[in-house]
C-alpha atoms as a PDB file:
ATOM      1  CA  MET A   1     102.718 -19.099  84.003  1.00  0.00           C
ATOM      2  CA  THR A   2     103.092 -22.402  82.147  1.00  0.00           C
ATOM      3  CA  THR A   3     104.112 -21.957  78.525  1.00  0.00           C
ATOM      4  CA  ASN A   4     102.875 -24.177  75.708  1.00  0.00           C
ATOM      5  CA  GLU A   5     106.375 -25.613  75.330  1.00  0.00           C
ATOM      6  CA  GLN A   6     106.193 -26.881  78.927  1.00  0.00           C
ATOM      7  CA  SER A   7     102.705 -28.338  78.691  1.00  0.00           C
ATOM      8  CA  ILE A   8     100.486 -30.386  76.416  1.00  0.00           C
ATOM      9  CA  ASN A   9      96.906 -29.920  75.285  1.00  0.00           C
ATOM     10  CA  LEU A  10      94.531 -31.988  77.412  1.00  0.00           C
ATOM     11  CA  ASN A  11      92.922 -33.852  74.528  1.00  0.00           C
ATOM     12  CA  LYS A  12      96.363 -34.803  73.173  1.00  0.00           C
ATOM     13  CA  TYR A  13      97.482 -35.938  76.630  1.00  0.00           C
ATOM     14  CA  ILE A  14      94.464 -38.225  76.901  1.00  0.00           C
ATOM     15  CA  SER A  15      95.016 -39.561  73.384  1.00  0.00           C
ATOM     16  CA  ASP A  16      98.695 -40.188  74.075  1.00  0.00           C
ATOM     17  CA  THR A  17      97.783 -42.579  76.884  1.00  0.00           C
ATOM     18  CA  GLY A  18      96.410 -44.873  74.181  1.00  0.00           C
ATOM     19  CA  ILE A  19      92.913 -44.946  75.641  1.00  0.00           C
ATOM     20  CA  CYS A  20      91.190 -43.156  72.756  1.00  0.00           C
ATOM     21  CA  SER A  21      91.524 -40.713  69.879  1.00  0.00           C
ATOM     22  CA  ARG A  22      91.763 -36.934  70.324  1.00  0.00           C
ATOM     23  CA  ARG A  23      88.193 -36.543  69.076  1.00  0.00           C
ATOM     24  CA  ALA A  24      86.900 -39.034  71.637  1.00  0.00           C
ATOM     25  CA  ALA A  25      88.954 -37.264  74.316  1.00  0.00           C
ATOM     26  CA  GLU A  26      87.203 -33.990  73.457  1.00  0.00           C
ATOM     27  CA  LYS A  27      83.835 -35.701  73.968  1.00  0.00           C
ATOM     28  CA  TYR A  28      84.952 -36.942  77.396  1.00  0.00           C
ATOM     29  CA  ILE A  29      86.030 -33.399  78.320  1.00  0.00           C
ATOM     30  CA  LEU A  30      82.749 -31.856  77.117  1.00  0.00           C
ATOM     31  CA  ALA A  31      80.800 -34.485  79.064  1.00  0.00           C
ATOM     32  CA  GLY A  32      82.528 -33.391  82.271  1.00  0.00           C
ATOM     33  CA  ARG A  33      84.230 -36.760  82.761  1.00  0.00           C
ATOM     34  CA  VAL A  34      87.805 -35.418  82.920  1.00  0.00           C
ATOM     35  CA  THR A  35      89.532 -33.604  85.778  1.00  0.00           C
ATOM     36  CA  ILE A  36      92.986 -32.110  86.281  1.00  0.00           C
ATOM     37  CA  ASN A  37      94.149 -32.211  89.892  1.00  0.00           C
ATOM     38  CA  GLY A  38      90.527 -32.740  90.916  1.00  0.00           C
ATOM     39  CA  ASN A  39      89.246 -29.708  89.040  1.00  0.00           C
ATOM     40  CA  PRO A  40      86.697 -29.726  86.186  1.00  0.00           C
ATOM     41  CA  THR A  41      88.150 -29.250  82.712  1.00  0.00           C
ATOM     42  CA  GLN A  42      87.178 -27.733  79.400  1.00  0.00           C
ATOM     43  CA  LEU A  43      88.494 -27.841  75.840  1.00  0.00           C
ATOM     44  CA  GLY A  44      91.800 -26.022  75.548  1.00  0.00           C
ATOM     45  CA  ASN A  45      93.061 -26.881  79.019  1.00  0.00           C
ATOM     46  CA  ARG A  46      96.704 -27.888  79.159  1.00  0.00           C
ATOM     47  CA  VAL A  47      98.559 -30.486  81.227  1.00  0.00           C
ATOM     48  CA  LYS A  48     101.944 -29.786  82.780  1.00  0.00           C
ATOM     49  CA  GLU A  49     104.482 -32.042  84.483  1.00  0.00           C
ATOM     50  CA  GLY A  50     103.102 -33.343  87.787  1.00  0.00           C
ATOM     51  CA  ASP A  51      99.428 -32.789  86.948  1.00  0.00           C
ATOM     52  CA  ILE A  52      97.048 -35.655  87.734  1.00  0.00           C
ATOM     53  CA  VAL A  53      94.545 -36.228  84.953  1.00  0.00           C
ATOM     54  CA  MET A  54      91.570 -38.467  85.724  1.00  0.00           C
ATOM     55  CA  LEU A  55      88.804 -39.919  83.554  1.00  0.00           C
ATOM     56  CA  ASP A  56      85.740 -40.958  85.538  1.00  0.00           C
ATOM     57  CA  GLY A  57      87.870 -40.790  88.665  1.00  0.00           C
ATOM     58  CA  VAL A  58      90.574 -43.101  87.299  1.00  0.00           C
ATOM     59  CA  PRO A  59      94.093 -41.645  86.847  1.00  0.00           C
ATOM     60  CA  LEU A  60      95.418 -41.601  83.291  1.00  0.00           C
ATOM     61  CA  ASN A  61      99.109 -42.260  82.823  1.00  0.00           C
ATOM     62  CA  LYS A  62     100.865 -41.298  79.624  1.00  0.00           C
ATOM     63  CA  ALA A  63     101.751 -44.343  77.550  1.00  0.00           C
ATOM     64  CA  PRO A  64     105.419 -45.302  77.418  1.00  0.00           C
ATOM     65  CA  GLU A  65     107.432 -44.025  74.472  1.00  0.00           C
ATOM     66  CA  LEU A  66     107.255 -46.487  71.589  1.00  0.00           C
ATOM     67  CA  PHE A  67     110.486 -47.619  69.986  1.00  0.00           C
ATOM     68  CA  TYR A  68     111.389 -49.852  67.062  1.00  0.00           C
ATOM     69  CA  ILE A  69     114.648 -51.716  66.494  1.00  0.00           C
ATOM     70  CA  ALA A  70     116.192 -53.312  63.403  1.00  0.00           C
ATOM     71  CA  PHE A  71     118.515 -56.148  64.411  1.00  0.00           C
ATOM     72  CA  ASN A  72     120.876 -58.194  62.228  1.00  0.00           C
ATOM     73  CA  LYS A  73     120.417 -61.488  64.068  1.00  0.00           C
ATOM     74  CA  PRO A  74     123.348 -63.891  64.028  1.00  0.00           C
ATOM     75  CA  ALA A  75     122.769 -67.586  63.419  1.00  0.00           C
ATOM     76  CA  GLY A  76     122.457 -69.411  66.735  1.00  0.00           C
ATOM     77  CA  ILE A  77     120.292 -66.768  68.421  1.00  0.00           C
ATOM     78  CA  THR A  78     116.704 -67.824  69.215  1.00  0.00           C
ATOM     79  CA  SER A  79     113.874 -65.345  68.501  1.00  0.00           C
ATOM     80  CA  THR A  80     112.077 -65.706  71.831  1.00  0.00           C
ATOM     81  CA  THR A  81     111.199 -63.513  74.810  1.00  0.00           C
ATOM     82  CA  GLU A  82     111.807 -66.446  77.185  1.00  0.00           C
ATOM     83  CA  THR A  83     115.043 -65.320  78.773  1.00  0.00           C
ATOM     84  CA  HIS A  84     115.701 -68.682  80.452  1.00  0.00           C
ATOM     85  CA  ILE A  85     116.359 -70.167  76.996  1.00  0.00           C
ATOM     86  CA  PRO A  86     120.083 -70.036  76.162  1.00  0.00           C
ATOM     87  CA  ASP A  87     121.143 -67.570  73.440  1.00  0.00           C
ATOM     88  CA  ASN A  88     117.751 -65.829  73.374  1.00  0.00           C
ATOM     89  CA  ILE A  89     117.370 -62.608  71.391  1.00  0.00           C
ATOM     90  CA  ILE A  90     116.311 -60.473  74.389  1.00  0.00           C
ATOM     91  CA  SER A  91     119.375 -61.262  76.473  1.00  0.00           C
ATOM     92  CA  TYR A  92     121.633 -60.866  73.432  1.00  0.00           C
ATOM     93  CA  ILE A  93     120.444 -57.326  72.702  1.00  0.00           C
ATOM     94  CA  ASN A  94     120.227 -56.486  76.422  1.00  0.00           C
ATOM     95  CA  HIS A  95     118.046 -53.413  75.917  1.00  0.00           C
ATOM     96  CA  PRO A  96     117.195 -51.510  79.126  1.00  0.00           C
ATOM     97  CA  LYS A  97     113.464 -51.539  78.327  1.00  0.00           C
ATOM     98  CA  ARG A  98     111.074 -54.426  77.731  1.00  0.00           C
ATOM     99  CA  LEU A  99     110.748 -55.388  74.073  1.00  0.00           C
ATOM    100  CA  PHE A 100     109.702 -58.312  71.932  1.00  0.00           C
ATOM    101  CA  PRO A 101     110.484 -59.518  68.399  1.00  0.00           C
ATOM    102  CA  ILE A 102     108.012 -59.077  65.560  1.00  0.00           C
ATOM    103  CA  GLY A 103     107.705 -62.588  64.215  1.00  0.00           C
ATOM    104  CA  ARG A 104     110.517 -65.081  64.189  1.00  0.00           C
ATOM    105  CA  LEU A 105     113.703 -65.923  62.372  1.00  0.00           C
ATOM    106  CA  ASP A 106     114.914 -69.507  62.718  1.00  0.00           C
ATOM    107  CA  LYS A 107     117.776 -70.084  65.123  1.00  0.00           C
ATOM    108  CA  ALA A 108     119.921 -71.381  62.259  1.00  0.00           C
ATOM    109  CA  SER A 109     119.064 -68.357  60.086  1.00  0.00           C
ATOM    110  CA  ASN A 110     120.515 -64.859  60.240  1.00  0.00           C
ATOM    111  CA  GLY A 111     119.530 -61.408  59.092  1.00  0.00           C
ATOM    112  CA  LEU A 112     116.906 -58.750  59.701  1.00  0.00           C
ATOM    113  CA  ILE A 113     114.318 -58.918  62.456  1.00  0.00           C
ATOM    114  CA  PHE A 114     112.350 -56.123  64.127  1.00  0.00           C
ATOM    115  CA  LEU A 115     111.868 -55.689  67.868  1.00  0.00           C
ATOM    116  CA  THR A 116     109.535 -53.219  69.551  1.00  0.00           C
ATOM    117  CA  ASN A 117     107.312 -52.439  72.541  1.00  0.00           C
ATOM    118  CA  ASP A 118     104.411 -51.515  70.226  1.00  0.00           C
ATOM    119  CA  GLY A 119     101.976 -54.422  70.416  1.00  0.00           C
ATOM    120  CA  ASN A 120      99.565 -52.843  67.946  1.00  0.00           C
ATOM    121  CA  ILE A 121     102.024 -52.824  65.060  1.00  0.00           C
ATOM    122  CA  VAL A 122     103.131 -56.374  65.928  1.00  0.00           C
ATOM    123  CA  ASN A 123      99.618 -57.680  65.378  1.00  0.00           C
ATOM    124  CA  LYS A 124      99.269 -55.895  62.056  1.00  0.00           C
ATOM    125  CA  ILE A 125     102.607 -57.013  60.611  1.00  0.00           C
ATOM    126  CA  LEU A 126     102.091 -60.630  61.653  1.00  0.00           C
ATOM    127  CA  ARG A 127      98.888 -60.989  59.673  1.00  0.00           C
ATOM    128  CA  ALA A 128      99.994 -63.178  56.766  1.00  0.00           C
ATOM    129  CA  GLY A 129      97.174 -61.848  54.597  1.00  0.00           C
ATOM    130  CA  ASN A 130      98.574 -58.344  54.661  1.00  0.00           C
ATOM    131  CA  ASN A 131     101.073 -59.123  51.875  1.00  0.00           C
ATOM    132  CA  HIS A 132     104.034 -57.526  53.603  1.00  0.00           C
ATOM    133  CA  GLU A 133     107.186 -58.489  51.723  1.00  0.00           C
ATOM    134  CA  LYS A 134     110.153 -60.266  53.278  1.00  0.00           C
ATOM    135  CA  GLU A 135     113.270 -60.831  51.162  1.00  0.00           C
ATOM    136  CA  TYR A 136     115.897 -63.533  51.656  1.00  0.00           C
ATOM    137  CA  ILE A 137     119.168 -64.751  50.173  1.00  0.00           C
ATOM    138  CA  VAL A 138     119.360 -68.543  50.369  1.00  0.00           C
ATOM    139  CA  LYS A 139     122.220 -70.956  49.758  1.00  0.00           C
ATOM    140  CA  VAL A 140     121.556 -74.662  49.206  1.00  0.00           C
ATOM    141  CA  ASP A 141     123.647 -77.820  49.225  1.00  0.00           C
ATOM    142  CA  LYS A 142     123.756 -78.533  45.488  1.00  0.00           C
ATOM    143  CA  PRO A 143     123.427 -76.808  42.111  1.00  0.00           C
ATOM    144  CA  LEU A 144     120.008 -75.394  41.326  1.00  0.00           C
ATOM    145  CA  SER A 145     118.190 -77.333  38.624  1.00  0.00           C
ATOM    146  CA  SER A 146     116.621 -75.662  35.611  1.00  0.00           C
ATOM    147  CA  ASP A 147     113.083 -75.904  36.975  1.00  0.00           C
ATOM    148  CA  PHE A 148     113.875 -75.084  40.628  1.00  0.00           C
ATOM    149  CA  VAL A 149     113.054 -71.385  40.231  1.00  0.00           C
ATOM    150  CA  PHE A 150     109.823 -72.165  38.393  1.00  0.00           C
ATOM    151  CA  LYS A 151     108.561 -74.633  40.977  1.00  0.00           C
ATOM    152  CA  MET A 152     109.529 -72.482  43.953  1.00  0.00           C
ATOM    153  CA  SER A 153     107.838 -69.408  42.503  1.00  0.00           C
ATOM    154  CA  ARG A 154     104.633 -71.225  41.516  1.00  0.00           C
ATOM    155  CA  GLY A 155     103.919 -72.726  44.946  1.00  0.00           C
ATOM    156  CA  ILE A 156     105.028 -75.739  46.968  1.00  0.00           C
ATOM    157  CA  PRO A 157     102.730 -78.061  48.958  1.00  0.00           C
ATOM    158  CA  ILE A 158     103.799 -77.886  52.618  1.00  0.00           C
ATOM    159  CA  LEU A 159     101.991 -77.901  55.960  1.00  0.00           C
ATOM    160  CA  ASP A 160      98.673 -78.988  54.402  1.00  0.00           C
ATOM    161  CA  THR A 161      98.580 -76.004  52.064  1.00  0.00           C
ATOM    162  CA  VAL A 162     100.266 -74.671  48.925  1.00  0.00           C
ATOM    163  CA  THR A 163     102.562 -71.688  49.333  1.00  0.00           C
ATOM    164  CA  LYS A 164     101.597 -68.437  47.637  1.00  0.00           C
ATOM    165  CA  LYS A 165     103.207 -67.544  44.341  1.00  0.00           C
ATOM    166  CA  CYS A 166     106.366 -65.566  44.961  1.00  0.00           C
ATOM    167  CA  PHE A 167     109.380 -63.970  43.319  1.00  0.00           C
ATOM    168  CA  VAL A 168     112.434 -66.246  43.002  1.00  0.00           C
ATOM    169  CA  GLU A 169     115.697 -65.365  41.238  1.00  0.00           C
ATOM    170  CA  LYS A 170     118.760 -67.554  40.747  1.00  0.00           C
ATOM    171  CA  LEU A 171     121.879 -65.627  41.780  1.00  0.00           C
ATOM    172  CA  SER A 172     124.567 -68.275  41.342  1.00  0.00           C
ATOM    173  CA  ASN A 173     125.052 -72.005  41.006  1.00  0.00           C
ATOM    174  CA  ASN A 174     123.572 -72.759  44.414  1.00  0.00           C
ATOM    175  CA  THR A 175     122.225 -69.401  45.657  1.00  0.00           C
ATOM    176  CA  PHE A 176     118.869 -67.729  45.050  1.00  0.00           C
ATOM    177  CA  ARG A 177     116.848 -64.713  46.165  1.00  0.00           C
ATOM    178  CA  ILE A 178     113.240 -65.084  47.249  1.00  0.00           C
ATOM    179  CA  ILE A 179     110.555 -62.571  48.267  1.00  0.00           C
ATOM    180  CA  LEU A 180     107.708 -63.946  50.376  1.00  0.00           C
ATOM    181  CA  THR A 181     104.426 -62.488  51.570  1.00  0.00           C
ATOM    182  CA  GLN A 182     103.768 -65.435  53.883  1.00  0.00           C
ATOM    183  CA  GLY A 183     105.174 -66.463  57.216  1.00  0.00           C
ATOM    184  CA  LEU A 184     104.692 -70.217  57.444  1.00  0.00           C
ATOM    185  CA  ASN A 185     106.844 -72.086  59.936  1.00  0.00           C
ATOM    186  CA  ARG A 186     110.310 -72.695  58.440  1.00  0.00           C
ATOM    187  CA  GLN A 187     108.712 -72.000  55.060  1.00  0.00           C
ATOM    188  CA  ILE A 188     111.782 -71.639  52.839  1.00  0.00           C
ATOM    189  CA  ARG A 189     113.513 -74.648  54.360  1.00  0.00           C
ATOM    190  CA  ARG A 190     110.388 -76.772  53.919  1.00  0.00           C
ATOM    191  CA  MET A 191     109.946 -75.583  50.324  1.00  0.00           C
ATOM    192  CA  CYS A 192     113.531 -76.484  49.479  1.00  0.00           C
ATOM    193  CA  ASP A 193     113.270 -79.809  51.271  1.00  0.00           C
ATOM    194  CA  TYR A 194     110.232 -80.702  49.160  1.00  0.00           C
ATOM    195  CA  LEU A 195     112.417 -80.256  46.063  1.00  0.00           C
ATOM    196  CA  THR A 196     115.207 -82.364  47.697  1.00  0.00           C
ATOM    197  CA  TYR A 197     117.449 -79.395  48.512  1.00  0.00           C
ATOM    198  CA  GLN A 198     118.899 -78.623  51.916  1.00  0.00           C
ATOM    199  CA  VAL A 199     119.373 -75.009  52.996  1.00  0.00           C
ATOM    200  CA  THR A 200     122.929 -74.373  54.165  1.00  0.00           C
ATOM    201  CA  GLU A 201     122.587 -70.629  54.731  1.00  0.00           C
ATOM    202  CA  LEU A 202     119.542 -68.369  54.970  1.00  0.00           C
ATOM    203  CA  LYS A 203     119.702 -64.610  55.421  1.00  0.00           C
ATOM    204  CA  ARG A 204     116.784 -62.196  55.571  1.00  0.00           C
ATOM    205  CA  ILE A 205     117.835 -58.911  53.993  1.00  0.00           C
ATOM    206  CA  ARG A 206     114.586 -56.917  53.941  1.00  0.00           C
ATOM    207  CA  ILE A 207     111.235 -56.573  55.709  1.00  0.00           C
ATOM    208  CA  MET A 208     108.771 -54.329  53.881  1.00  0.00           C
ATOM    209  CA  ASN A 209     110.565 -50.997  53.314  1.00  0.00           C
ATOM    210  CA  ILE A 210     113.508 -51.698  55.642  1.00  0.00           C
ATOM    211  CA  GLY A 211     116.690 -53.359  54.390  1.00  0.00           C
ATOM    212  CA  LEU A 212     119.753 -54.501  56.309  1.00  0.00           C
ATOM    213  CA  GLY A 213     121.897 -51.797  54.729  1.00  0.00           C
ATOM    214  CA  ASP A 214     125.255 -51.494  56.494  1.00  0.00           C
ATOM    215  CA  LEU A 215     124.042 -53.154  59.689  1.00  0.00           C
ATOM    216  CA  LYS A 216     126.664 -55.747  60.623  1.00  0.00           C
ATOM    217  CA  THR A 217     125.819 -59.161  62.046  1.00  0.00           C
ATOM    218  CA  GLY A 218     124.997 -58.834  65.738  1.00  0.00           C
ATOM    219  CA  GLU A 219     124.356 -55.082  65.528  1.00  0.00           C
ATOM    220  CA  TRP A 220     121.059 -53.242  65.980  1.00  0.00           C
ATOM    221  CA  ARG A 221     119.777 -49.715  65.440  1.00  0.00           C
ATOM    222  CA  TYR A 222     116.637 -47.698  66.090  1.00  0.00           C
ATOM    223  CA  LEU A 223     114.384 -47.181  63.104  1.00  0.00           C
ATOM    224  CA  THR A 224     114.130 -43.548  62.065  1.00  0.00           C
ATOM    225  CA  PRO A 225     110.824 -41.670  62.462  1.00  0.00           C
ATOM    226  CA  GLU A 226     110.505 -41.685  58.667  1.00  0.00           C
ATOM    227  CA  GLU A 227     110.956 -45.474  58.523  1.00  0.00           C
ATOM    228  CA  VAL A 228     108.361 -45.986  61.252  1.00  0.00           C
ATOM    229  CA  GLU A 229     105.959 -43.650  59.466  1.00  0.00           C
ATOM    230  CA  ASN A 230     106.371 -45.639  56.237  1.00  0.00           C
ATOM    231  CA  ILE A 231     105.737 -48.910  58.073  1.00  0.00           C
ATOM    232  CA  ASN A 232     102.585 -47.477  59.606  1.00  0.00           C
ATOM    233  CA  LEU A 233     101.409 -46.395  56.159  1.00  0.00           C
ATOM    234  CA  LEU A 234     102.041 -49.900  54.822  1.00  0.00           C
ATOM    235  CA  VAL A 235     100.044 -51.519  57.623  1.00  0.00           C
ATOM    236  CA  ALA A 236      97.361 -48.803  57.824  1.00  0.00           C
ATOM    237  CA  ASP A 237      94.723 -51.037  56.251  1.00  0.00           C
ATOM    238  CA  SER A 238      95.796 -54.157  58.105  1.00  0.00           C
ATOM    239  CA  ILE A 239      93.491 -55.794  60.588  1.00  0.00           C
ATOM    240  CA  LYS A 240      94.565 -56.824  64.047  1.00  0.00           C
ATOM    241  CA  THR A 241      95.052 -60.493  64.845  1.00  0.00           C
ATOM    242  CA  GLU A 242      92.220 -60.573  67.364  1.00  0.00           C
ATOM    243  CA  GLU A 243      89.812 -59.008  64.887  1.00  0.00           C
ATOM    244  CA  ALA A 244      90.555 -61.584  62.223  1.00  0.00           C
ATOM    245  CA  SER A 245      90.492 -64.685  64.408  1.00  0.00           C
END
């Protein structure tokens, strides 16, 4: 006899395929739309390895396991899934499963970037209106003027808009820290350029609740279940890209 440890509740199995919630799965079962190995089902049925579960005659396959990676991208690596492009991020990491970066980090920049196979969370994080923080350390080509911090934090006109107000802190003669909730193309570099400064080094050290920590340049690690749970809580009220467009 199959034990619970060797099987999974039918409604959870259906939900885990990503097709619907557990509650909706229960409605499908009650409506007689679900079979296991061709047999009618009821609430409480369990699915074991090798069972064929069908909804309206169509086989349901369990969704692939979702994974999330934090990568300390070196400068010179391009944040693209196009593997024919030299020095692309996918070939550099060389993960055995298909994955894609969440957002971008300029080729000339280094620091934290996420990669995943979870398209749902990608859409939520990429929504600029969700106010998800990204923190950077930036070095420029000359000493910071007295009003640089003020102007950067108040908003800079670039790309036919004005950047959102943000936190900016001078760290040294020519280095500052900035926390953005936007993701405009080459935003920090454009903001600095507007004030006649050239960025010589740009490093992203945090995305939302995840910091670089001890992750060395070129290294990556899996996010912990607790980190993923916190990210999901932060994006829980976010709307998907397709819903907002």
